[in-house]
Amino acid sequence: MKTFKDFLKEEDGMGTVEVILIIVVLVALVVIFKTEITKIVNSLFTKISSQTDKL
């Protein structure tokens, strides 16, 4: 039981606030660069499909 209490009091590692902040930043970046990301993905799929036709 003592080790469980020590585990709860431990402050090492990443906390919930840090994880939420990272997720918020990632979502914001995706929203900001949505059109650029879509263009890149569409370009990649176009190249992949055109090269599979050559096979």
PDB file of N, CA and C in Angstrom:
ATOM      1  N   MET A   1       0.832  -1.195   0.000  1.00  0.00           N
ATOM      2  CA  MET A   1       0.000   0.000   0.000  1.00  0.00           C
ATOM      3  C   MET A   1       0.877   1.259   0.000  1.00  0.00           C
ATOM      4  N   LYS A   2       2.037   1.169   0.639  1.00  0.00           N
ATOM      5  CA  LYS A   2       2.927   2.318   0.693  1.00  0.00           C
ATOM      6  C   LYS A   2       3.441   2.681  -0.697  1.00  0.00           C
ATOM      7  N   THR A   3       3.735   1.706  -1.523  1.00  0.00           N
ATOM      8  CA  THR A   3       4.240   2.005  -2.862  1.00  0.00           C
ATOM      9  C   THR A   3       3.170   2.674  -3.713  1.00  0.00           C
ATOM     10  N   PHE A   4       1.910   2.313  -3.517  1.00  0.00           N
ATOM     11  CA  PHE A   4       0.822   2.956  -4.259  1.00  0.00           C
ATOM     12  C   PHE A   4       0.699   4.419  -3.862  1.00  0.00           C
ATOM     13  N   LYS A   5       0.812   4.723  -2.570  1.00  0.00           N
ATOM     14  CA  LYS A   5       0.755   6.111  -2.105  1.00  0.00           C
ATOM     15  C   LYS A   5       1.939   6.905  -2.654  1.00  0.00           C
ATOM     16  N   ASP A   6       3.109   6.260  -2.667  1.00  0.00           N
ATOM     17  CA  ASP A   6       4.283   6.930  -3.242  1.00  0.00           C
ATOM     18  C   ASP A   6       4.071   7.205  -4.725  1.00  0.00           C
ATOM     19  N   PHE A   7       3.447   6.273  -5.427  1.00  0.00           N
ATOM     20  CA  PHE A   7       3.171   6.459  -6.853  1.00  0.00           C
ATOM     21  C   PHE A   7       2.241   7.644  -7.087  1.00  0.00           C
ATOM     22  N   LEU A   8       1.225   7.783  -6.250  1.00  0.00           N
ATOM     23  CA  LEU A   8       0.290   8.900  -6.400  1.00  0.00           C
ATOM     24  C   LEU A   8       0.941  10.241  -6.094  1.00  0.00           C
ATOM     25  N   LYS A   9       1.897  10.251  -5.185  1.00  0.00           N
ATOM     26  CA  LYS A   9       2.564  11.495  -4.827  1.00  0.00           C
ATOM     27  C   LYS A   9       3.702  11.851  -5.775  1.00  0.00           C
ATOM     28  N   GLU A  10       4.113  10.918  -6.609  1.00  0.00           N
ATOM     29  CA  GLU A  10       5.238  11.141  -7.515  1.00  0.00           C
ATOM     30  C   GLU A  10       4.904  12.240  -8.520  1.00  0.00           C
ATOM     31  N   GLU A  11       5.831  13.147  -8.709  1.00  0.00           N
ATOM     32  CA  GLU A  11       5.596  14.266  -9.608  1.00  0.00           C
ATOM     33  C   GLU A  11       6.458  14.185 -10.865  1.00  0.00           C
ATOM     34  N   ASP A  12       7.136  13.098 -11.072  1.00  0.00           N
ATOM     35  CA  ASP A  12       7.950  12.932 -12.264  1.00  0.00           C
ATOM     36  C   ASP A  12       7.070  12.585 -13.452  1.00  0.00           C
ATOM     37  N   GLY A  13       7.593  12.802 -14.616  1.00  0.00           N
ATOM     38  CA  GLY A  13       6.856  12.432 -15.818  1.00  0.00           C
ATOM     39  C   GLY A  13       5.962  13.554 -16.309  1.00  0.00           C
ATOM     40  N   MET A  14       5.175  13.214 -17.314  1.00  0.00           N
ATOM     41  CA  MET A  14       4.323  14.197 -17.961  1.00  0.00           C
ATOM     42  C   MET A  14       2.949  14.220 -17.302  1.00  0.00           C
ATOM     43  N   GLY A  15       2.480  15.398 -17.013  1.00  0.00           N
ATOM     44  CA  GLY A  15       1.182  15.549 -16.382  1.00  0.00           C
ATOM     45  C   GLY A  15       0.072  15.699 -17.400  1.00  0.00           C
ATOM     46  N   THR A  16      -1.131  15.689 -16.907  1.00  0.00           N
ATOM     47  CA  THR A  16      -2.302  15.803 -17.773  1.00  0.00           C
ATOM     48  C   THR A  16      -2.344  17.152 -18.481  1.00  0.00           C
ATOM     49  N   VAL A  17      -1.957  18.196 -17.801  1.00  0.00           N
ATOM     50  CA  VAL A  17      -1.985  19.529 -18.405  1.00  0.00           C
ATOM     51  C   VAL A  17      -1.034  19.598 -19.594  1.00  0.00           C
ATOM     52  N   GLU A  18       0.141  19.017 -19.451  1.00  0.00           N
ATOM     53  CA  GLU A  18       1.099  19.028 -20.554  1.00  0.00           C
ATOM     54  C   GLU A  18       0.576  18.265 -21.755  1.00  0.00           C
ATOM     55  N   VAL A  19      -0.028  17.116 -21.514  1.00  0.00           N
ATOM     56  CA  VAL A  19      -0.569  16.312 -22.608  1.00  0.00           C
ATOM     57  C   VAL A  19      -1.690  17.074 -23.315  1.00  0.00           C
ATOM     58  N   ILE A  20      -2.558  17.711 -22.565  1.00  0.00           N
ATOM     59  CA  ILE A  20      -3.657  18.477 -23.169  1.00  0.00           C
ATOM     60  C   ILE A  20      -3.110  19.642 -23.985  1.00  0.00           C
ATOM     61  N   LEU A  21      -2.083  20.324 -23.482  1.00  0.00           N
ATOM     62  CA  LEU A  21      -1.490  21.429 -24.224  1.00  0.00           C
ATOM     63  C   LEU A  21      -0.865  20.951 -25.531  1.00  0.00           C
ATOM     64  N   ILE A  22      -0.202  19.817 -25.510  1.00  0.00           N
ATOM     65  CA  ILE A  22       0.384  19.267 -26.730  1.00  0.00           C
ATOM     66  C   ILE A  22      -0.702  18.935 -27.742  1.00  0.00           C
ATOM     67  N   ILE A  23      -1.786  18.327 -27.295  1.00  0.00           N
ATOM     68  CA  ILE A  23      -2.888  17.986 -28.196  1.00  0.00           C
ATOM     69  C   ILE A  23      -3.509  19.251 -28.778  1.00  0.00           C
ATOM     70  N   VAL A  24      -3.700  20.278 -27.968  1.00  0.00           N
ATOM     71  CA  VAL A  24      -4.283  21.531 -28.449  1.00  0.00           C
ATOM     72  C   VAL A  24      -3.389  22.168 -29.511  1.00  0.00           C
ATOM     73  N   VAL A  25      -2.090  22.171 -29.285  1.00  0.00           N
ATOM     74  CA  VAL A  25      -1.161  22.743 -30.257  1.00  0.00           C
ATOM     75  C   VAL A  25      -1.197  21.952 -31.560  1.00  0.00           C
ATOM     76  N   LEU A  26      -1.218  20.627 -31.480  1.00  0.00           N
ATOM     77  CA  LEU A  26      -1.269  19.802 -32.690  1.00  0.00           C
ATOM     78  C   LEU A  26      -2.558  20.037 -33.472  1.00  0.00           C
ATOM     79  N   VAL A  27      -3.678  20.114 -32.777  1.00  0.00           N
ATOM     80  CA  VAL A  27      -4.959  20.368 -33.455  1.00  0.00           C
ATOM     81  C   VAL A  27      -4.946  21.748 -34.100  1.00  0.00           C
ATOM     82  N   ALA A  28      -4.395  22.731 -33.411  1.00  0.00           N
ATOM     83  CA  ALA A  28      -4.319  24.082 -33.986  1.00  0.00           C
ATOM     84  C   ALA A  28      -3.458  24.098 -35.240  1.00  0.00           C
ATOM     85  N   LEU A  29      -2.341  23.384 -35.215  1.00  0.00           N
ATOM     86  CA  LEU A  29      -1.490  23.319 -36.406  1.00  0.00           C
ATOM     87  C   LEU A  29      -2.200  22.649 -37.574  1.00  0.00           C
ATOM     88  N   VAL A  30      -2.954  21.604 -37.302  1.00  0.00           N
ATOM     89  CA  VAL A  30      -3.702  20.931 -38.365  1.00  0.00           C
ATOM     90  C   VAL A  30      -4.762  21.863 -38.941  1.00  0.00           C
ATOM     91  N   VAL A  31      -5.442  22.607 -38.088  1.00  0.00           N
ATOM     92  CA  VAL A  31      -6.473  23.537 -38.565  1.00  0.00           C
ATOM     93  C   VAL A  31      -5.846  24.650 -39.398  1.00  0.00           C
ATOM     94  N   ILE A  32      -4.713  25.170 -38.957  1.00  0.00           N
ATOM     95  CA  ILE A  32      -4.061  26.263 -39.669  1.00  0.00           C
ATOM     96  C   ILE A  32      -3.551  25.804 -41.036  1.00  0.00           C
ATOM     97  N   PHE A  33      -2.931  24.639 -41.081  1.00  0.00           N
ATOM     98  CA  PHE A  33      -2.296  24.166 -42.309  1.00  0.00           C
ATOM     99  C   PHE A  33      -3.123  23.107 -43.030  1.00  0.00           C
ATOM    100  N   LYS A  34      -4.438  23.127 -42.836  1.00  0.00           N
ATOM    101  CA  LYS A  34      -5.302  22.091 -43.411  1.00  0.00           C
ATOM    102  C   LYS A  34      -5.199  22.045 -44.929  1.00  0.00           C
ATOM    103  N   THR A  35      -5.239  23.179 -45.592  1.00  0.00           N
ATOM    104  CA  THR A  35      -5.206  23.179 -47.062  1.00  0.00           C
ATOM    105  C   THR A  35      -3.861  22.682 -47.575  1.00  0.00           C
ATOM    106  N   GLU A  36      -2.772  23.076 -46.929  1.00  0.00           N
ATOM    107  CA  GLU A  36      -1.460  22.616 -47.362  1.00  0.00           C
ATOM    108  C   GLU A  36      -1.307  21.106 -47.160  1.00  0.00           C
ATOM    109  N   ILE A  37      -1.790  20.617 -46.032  1.00  0.00           N
ATOM    110  CA  ILE A  37      -1.721  19.180 -45.765  1.00  0.00           C
ATOM    111  C   ILE A  37      -2.551  18.416 -46.785  1.00  0.00           C
ATOM    112  N   THR A  38      -3.724  18.929 -47.116  1.00  0.00           N
ATOM    113  CA  THR A  38      -4.586  18.275 -48.106  1.00  0.00           C
ATOM    114  C   THR A  38      -3.910  18.246 -49.471  1.00  0.00           C
ATOM    115  N   LYS A  39      -3.270  19.337 -49.860  1.00  0.00           N
ATOM    116  CA  LYS A  39      -2.569  19.369 -51.143  1.00  0.00           C
ATOM    117  C   LYS A  39      -1.446  18.341 -51.196  1.00  0.00           C
ATOM    118  N   ILE A  40      -0.677  18.244 -50.122  1.00  0.00           N
ATOM    119  CA  ILE A  40       0.434  17.291 -50.076  1.00  0.00           C
ATOM    120  C   ILE A  40      -0.073  15.860 -50.163  1.00  0.00           C
ATOM    121  N   VAL A  41      -1.114  15.542 -49.410  1.00  0.00           N
ATOM    122  CA  VAL A  41      -1.658  14.181 -49.415  1.00  0.00           C
ATOM    123  C   VAL A  41      -2.231  13.837 -50.788  1.00  0.00           C
ATOM    124  N   ASN A  42      -2.972  14.773 -51.387  1.00  0.00           N
ATOM    125  CA  ASN A  42      -3.520  14.522 -52.720  1.00  0.00           C
ATOM    126  C   ASN A  42      -2.407  14.332 -53.741  1.00  0.00           C
ATOM    127  N   SER A  43      -1.357  15.119 -53.644  1.00  0.00           N
ATOM    128  CA  SER A  43      -0.218  14.976 -54.549  1.00  0.00           C
ATOM    129  C   SER A  43       0.437  13.606 -54.399  1.00  0.00           C
ATOM    130  N   LEU A  44       0.604  13.176 -53.161  1.00  0.00           N
ATOM    131  CA  LEU A  44       1.209  11.863 -52.925  1.00  0.00           C
ATOM    132  C   LEU A  44       0.346  10.738 -53.494  1.00  0.00           C
ATOM    133  N   PHE A  45      -0.968  10.810 -53.273  1.00  0.00           N
ATOM    134  CA  PHE A  45      -1.846   9.767 -53.795  1.00  0.00           C
ATOM    135  C   PHE A  45      -1.870   9.765 -55.318  1.00  0.00           C
ATOM    136  N   THR A  46      -1.776  10.945 -55.924  1.00  0.00           N
ATOM    137  CA  THR A  46      -1.734  11.026 -57.380  1.00  0.00           C
ATOM    138  C   THR A  46      -0.465  10.368 -57.911  1.00  0.00           C
ATOM    139  N   LYS A  47       0.660  10.637 -57.288  1.00  0.00           N
ATOM    140  CA  LYS A  47       1.923  10.023 -57.705  1.00  0.00           C
ATOM    141  C   LYS A  47       1.890   8.512 -57.515  1.00  0.00           C
ATOM    142  N   ILE A  48       1.346   8.082 -56.400  1.00  0.00           N
ATOM    143  CA  ILE A  48       1.272   6.640 -56.130  1.00  0.00           C
ATOM    144  C   ILE A  48       0.397   5.951 -57.170  1.00  0.00           C
ATOM    145  N   SER A  49      -0.765   6.518 -57.448  1.00  0.00           N
ATOM    146  CA  SER A  49      -1.670   5.878 -58.402  1.00  0.00           C
ATOM    147  C   SER A  49      -1.107   5.916 -59.816  1.00  0.00           C
ATOM    148  N   SER A  50      -0.401   6.969 -60.190  1.00  0.00           N
ATOM    149  CA  SER A  50       0.169   7.032 -61.537  1.00  0.00           C
ATOM    150  C   SER A  50       1.331   6.039 -61.665  1.00  0.00           C
ATOM    151  N   GLN A  51       2.070   5.831 -60.619  1.00  0.00           N
ATOM    152  CA  GLN A  51       3.190   4.886 -60.705  1.00  0.00           C
ATOM    153  C   GLN A  51       2.727   3.440 -60.616  1.00  0.00           C
ATOM    154  N   THR A  52       1.599   3.190 -59.990  1.00  0.00           N
ATOM    155  CA  THR A  52       1.100   1.815 -59.971  1.00  0.00           C
ATOM    156  C   THR A  52       0.541   1.436 -61.347  1.00  0.00           C
ATOM    157  N   ASP A  53       0.115   2.409 -62.119  1.00  0.00           N
ATOM    158  CA  ASP A  53      -0.345   2.115 -63.479  1.00  0.00           C
ATOM    159  C   ASP A  53       0.813   1.665 -64.365  1.00  0.00           C
ATOM    160  N   LYS A  54       2.018   2.120 -64.080  1.00  0.00           N
ATOM    161  CA  LYS A  54       3.202   1.743 -64.857  1.00  0.00           C
ATOM    162  C   LYS A  54       3.611   0.297 -64.593  1.00  0.00           C
ATOM    163  N   LEU A  55       3.236  -0.223 -63.441  1.00  0.00           N
ATOM    164  CA  LEU A  55       3.597  -1.603 -63.106  1.00  0.00           C
ATOM    165  C   LEU A  55       2.710  -2.518 -63.886  1.00  0.00           C
TER     166      LEU A  55
END
